[in-house]
Amino acid sequence: MPTIHIVGMTCQRCVAVVEEALGRVDGVRDVEVNLDSGTATFSEEKPVDMTAVRQAVADAGYRVA
């Protein structure tokens, strides 16, 4: 399961926004975002383009560290 560190999350709404954004990336499944650690993990249904993952997070208003 890939784990990414996300900068800028401050509340549970942020968590929901990031989970939704990552869930729309082709091949990403079972997204779990942890506010306390500032991380997101997910399963890959097929190889995932990490550039698309970073872009989805950026488009949601956050940044992958």
N, C-alpha and C. Protein backbone atom coordinates (compact mmCIF):
# COMPACT_ATOMS: atom_id res chain seq x y z
N MET A 1 0.84 -1.18 0.00
CA MET A 1 0.00 0.00 0.00
C MET A 1 0.89 1.24 0.00
N PRO A 2 0.80 2.06 -1.02
CA PRO A 2 1.55 3.31 -1.03
C PRO A 2 1.07 4.24 0.08
N THR A 3 2.01 4.97 0.66
CA THR A 3 1.70 5.99 1.66
C THR A 3 2.30 7.29 1.20
N ILE A 4 1.50 8.35 1.24
CA ILE A 4 1.99 9.68 0.89
C ILE A 4 1.75 10.61 2.07
N HIS A 5 2.60 11.62 2.20
CA HIS A 5 2.45 12.63 3.25
C HIS A 5 1.82 13.86 2.62
N ILE A 6 0.79 14.37 3.29
CA ILE A 6 0.03 15.49 2.75
C ILE A 6 0.17 16.69 3.68
N VAL A 7 0.47 17.84 3.09
CA VAL A 7 0.65 19.08 3.83
C VAL A 7 -0.59 19.95 3.66
N GLY A 8 -1.05 20.50 4.78
CA GLY A 8 -2.14 21.48 4.71
C GLY A 8 -3.47 21.03 5.29
N MET A 9 -3.57 19.77 5.68
CA MET A 9 -4.84 19.30 6.26
C MET A 9 -4.94 19.75 7.71
N THR A 10 -6.12 20.29 8.07
CA THR A 10 -6.30 20.79 9.43
C THR A 10 -7.55 20.27 10.13
N CYS A 11 -8.42 19.57 9.39
CA CYS A 11 -9.69 19.14 9.99
C CYS A 11 -10.23 17.90 9.27
N GLN A 12 -11.31 17.37 9.79
CA GLN A 12 -11.92 16.19 9.18
C GLN A 12 -12.49 16.48 7.80
N ARG A 13 -12.90 17.70 7.54
CA ARG A 13 -13.37 18.06 6.20
C ARG A 13 -12.22 17.93 5.20
N CYS A 14 -11.02 18.34 5.62
CA CYS A 14 -9.84 18.19 4.77
C CYS A 14 -9.62 16.71 4.43
N VAL A 15 -9.76 15.86 5.43
CA VAL A 15 -9.61 14.42 5.24
C VAL A 15 -10.59 13.93 4.18
N ALA A 16 -11.84 14.34 4.31
CA ALA A 16 -12.87 13.90 3.36
C ALA A 16 -12.57 14.39 1.95
N VAL A 17 -12.10 15.62 1.82
CA VAL A 17 -11.78 16.18 0.50
C VAL A 17 -10.63 15.40 -0.14
N VAL A 18 -9.59 15.10 0.63
CA VAL A 18 -8.45 14.36 0.10
C VAL A 18 -8.86 12.93 -0.26
N GLU A 19 -9.64 12.28 0.60
CA GLU A 19 -10.11 10.92 0.30
C GLU A 19 -10.89 10.89 -1.00
N GLU A 20 -11.77 11.87 -1.18
CA GLU A 20 -12.57 11.93 -2.40
C GLU A 20 -11.68 12.17 -3.63
N ALA A 21 -10.75 13.10 -3.51
CA ALA A 21 -9.86 13.41 -4.63
C ALA A 21 -9.02 12.20 -5.03
N LEU A 22 -8.46 11.52 -4.05
CA LEU A 22 -7.64 10.35 -4.36
C LEU A 22 -8.48 9.21 -4.92
N GLY A 23 -9.69 9.08 -4.42
CA GLY A 23 -10.58 8.02 -4.90
C GLY A 23 -10.95 8.16 -6.37
N ARG A 24 -10.78 9.35 -6.92
CA ARG A 24 -11.09 9.58 -8.34
C ARG A 24 -9.91 9.26 -9.26
N VAL A 25 -8.73 9.01 -8.69
CA VAL A 25 -7.56 8.71 -9.51
C VAL A 25 -7.68 7.27 -10.03
N ASP A 26 -7.44 7.11 -11.31
CA ASP A 26 -7.55 5.81 -11.96
C ASP A 26 -6.64 4.79 -11.28
N GLY A 27 -7.21 3.69 -10.82
CA GLY A 27 -6.46 2.61 -10.20
C GLY A 27 -6.37 2.66 -8.69
N VAL A 28 -6.76 3.80 -8.09
CA VAL A 28 -6.69 3.95 -6.63
C VAL A 28 -7.96 3.40 -6.00
N ARG A 29 -7.77 2.61 -4.93
CA ARG A 29 -8.88 2.02 -4.19
C ARG A 29 -8.58 2.08 -2.70
N ASP A 30 -9.59 1.97 -1.87
CA ASP A 30 -9.44 1.84 -0.42
C ASP A 30 -8.56 2.93 0.18
N VAL A 31 -8.93 4.18 -0.07
CA VAL A 31 -8.16 5.31 0.44
C VAL A 31 -8.43 5.50 1.93
N GLU A 32 -7.35 5.68 2.70
CA GLU A 32 -7.46 6.00 4.12
C GLU A 32 -6.55 7.18 4.40
N VAL A 33 -7.14 8.27 4.91
CA VAL A 33 -6.38 9.48 5.23
C VAL A 33 -6.38 9.65 6.74
N ASN A 34 -5.20 9.92 7.30
CA ASN A 34 -5.06 10.10 8.74
C ASN A 34 -4.64 11.53 9.01
N LEU A 35 -5.51 12.29 9.67
CA LEU A 35 -5.23 13.69 9.95
C LEU A 35 -4.06 13.85 10.91
N ASP A 36 -4.00 13.01 11.94
CA ASP A 36 -2.95 13.14 12.95
C ASP A 36 -1.55 12.95 12.37
N SER A 37 -1.39 11.97 11.49
CA SER A 37 -0.07 11.72 10.91
C SER A 37 0.14 12.48 9.60
N GLY A 38 -0.93 13.04 9.05
CA GLY A 38 -0.83 13.75 7.78
C GLY A 38 -0.50 12.85 6.61
N THR A 39 -1.01 11.61 6.68
CA THR A 39 -0.71 10.65 5.62
C THR A 39 -1.98 10.12 4.97
N ALA A 40 -1.78 9.59 3.78
CA ALA A 40 -2.84 8.89 3.06
C ALA A 40 -2.25 7.59 2.54
N THR A 41 -2.99 6.51 2.69
CA THR A 41 -2.60 5.23 2.13
C THR A 41 -3.72 4.77 1.21
N PHE A 42 -3.36 3.95 0.25
CA PHE A 42 -4.37 3.43 -0.68
C PHE A 42 -3.88 2.14 -1.30
N SER A 43 -4.83 1.39 -1.81
CA SER A 43 -4.52 0.18 -2.56
C SER A 43 -4.51 0.52 -4.04
N GLU A 44 -3.76 -0.27 -4.78
CA GLU A 44 -3.69 -0.07 -6.23
C GLU A 44 -4.41 -1.22 -6.93
N GLU A 45 -5.46 -0.88 -7.64
CA GLU A 45 -6.19 -1.86 -8.45
C GLU A 45 -5.35 -2.25 -9.66
N LYS A 46 -4.56 -1.30 -10.12
CA LYS A 46 -3.60 -1.48 -11.21
C LYS A 46 -2.52 -0.44 -10.97
N PRO A 47 -1.42 -0.46 -11.71
CA PRO A 47 -0.37 0.53 -11.47
C PRO A 47 -0.93 1.96 -11.53
N VAL A 48 -0.57 2.74 -10.53
CA VAL A 48 -1.10 4.09 -10.40
C VAL A 48 -0.01 5.10 -10.76
N ASP A 49 -0.39 6.09 -11.54
CA ASP A 49 0.50 7.18 -11.91
C ASP A 49 0.61 8.14 -10.72
N MET A 50 1.77 8.17 -10.07
CA MET A 50 1.93 9.01 -8.88
C MET A 50 1.86 10.50 -9.22
N THR A 51 2.13 10.85 -10.46
CA THR A 51 1.95 12.25 -10.87
C THR A 51 0.47 12.61 -10.79
N ALA A 52 -0.39 11.69 -11.18
CA ALA A 52 -1.83 11.92 -11.10
C ALA A 52 -2.28 12.02 -9.64
N VAL A 53 -1.65 11.23 -8.77
CA VAL A 53 -1.97 11.29 -7.34
C VAL A 53 -1.60 12.66 -6.80
N ARG A 54 -0.38 13.12 -7.08
CA ARG A 54 0.05 14.44 -6.61
C ARG A 54 -0.84 15.54 -7.17
N GLN A 55 -1.23 15.42 -8.42
CA GLN A 55 -2.08 16.44 -9.04
C GLN A 55 -3.46 16.45 -8.41
N ALA A 56 -4.01 15.29 -8.10
CA ALA A 56 -5.33 15.22 -7.46
C ALA A 56 -5.30 15.90 -6.09
N VAL A 57 -4.23 15.67 -5.34
CA VAL A 57 -4.08 16.31 -4.03
C VAL A 57 -3.95 17.82 -4.21
N ALA A 58 -3.16 18.25 -5.17
CA ALA A 58 -2.98 19.68 -5.44
C ALA A 58 -4.29 20.33 -5.87
N ASP A 59 -5.03 19.66 -6.74
CA ASP A 59 -6.31 20.18 -7.20
C ASP A 59 -7.31 20.32 -6.05
N ALA A 60 -7.15 19.49 -5.01
CA ALA A 60 -8.02 19.56 -3.83
C ALA A 60 -7.58 20.66 -2.87
N GLY A 61 -6.41 21.27 -3.13
CA GLY A 61 -5.96 22.38 -2.32
C GLY A 61 -4.89 22.04 -1.30
N TYR A 62 -4.25 20.88 -1.46
CA TYR A 62 -3.22 20.44 -0.52
C TYR A 62 -1.96 20.10 -1.30
N ARG A 63 -0.92 19.64 -0.60
CA ARG A 63 0.35 19.35 -1.26
C ARG A 63 0.91 18.04 -0.74
N VAL A 64 1.46 17.24 -1.65
CA VAL A 64 2.16 16.03 -1.25
C VAL A 64 3.58 16.43 -0.89
N ALA A 65 3.99 16.04 0.32
CA ALA A 65 5.35 16.40 0.80
C ALA A 65 6.39 15.49 0.20
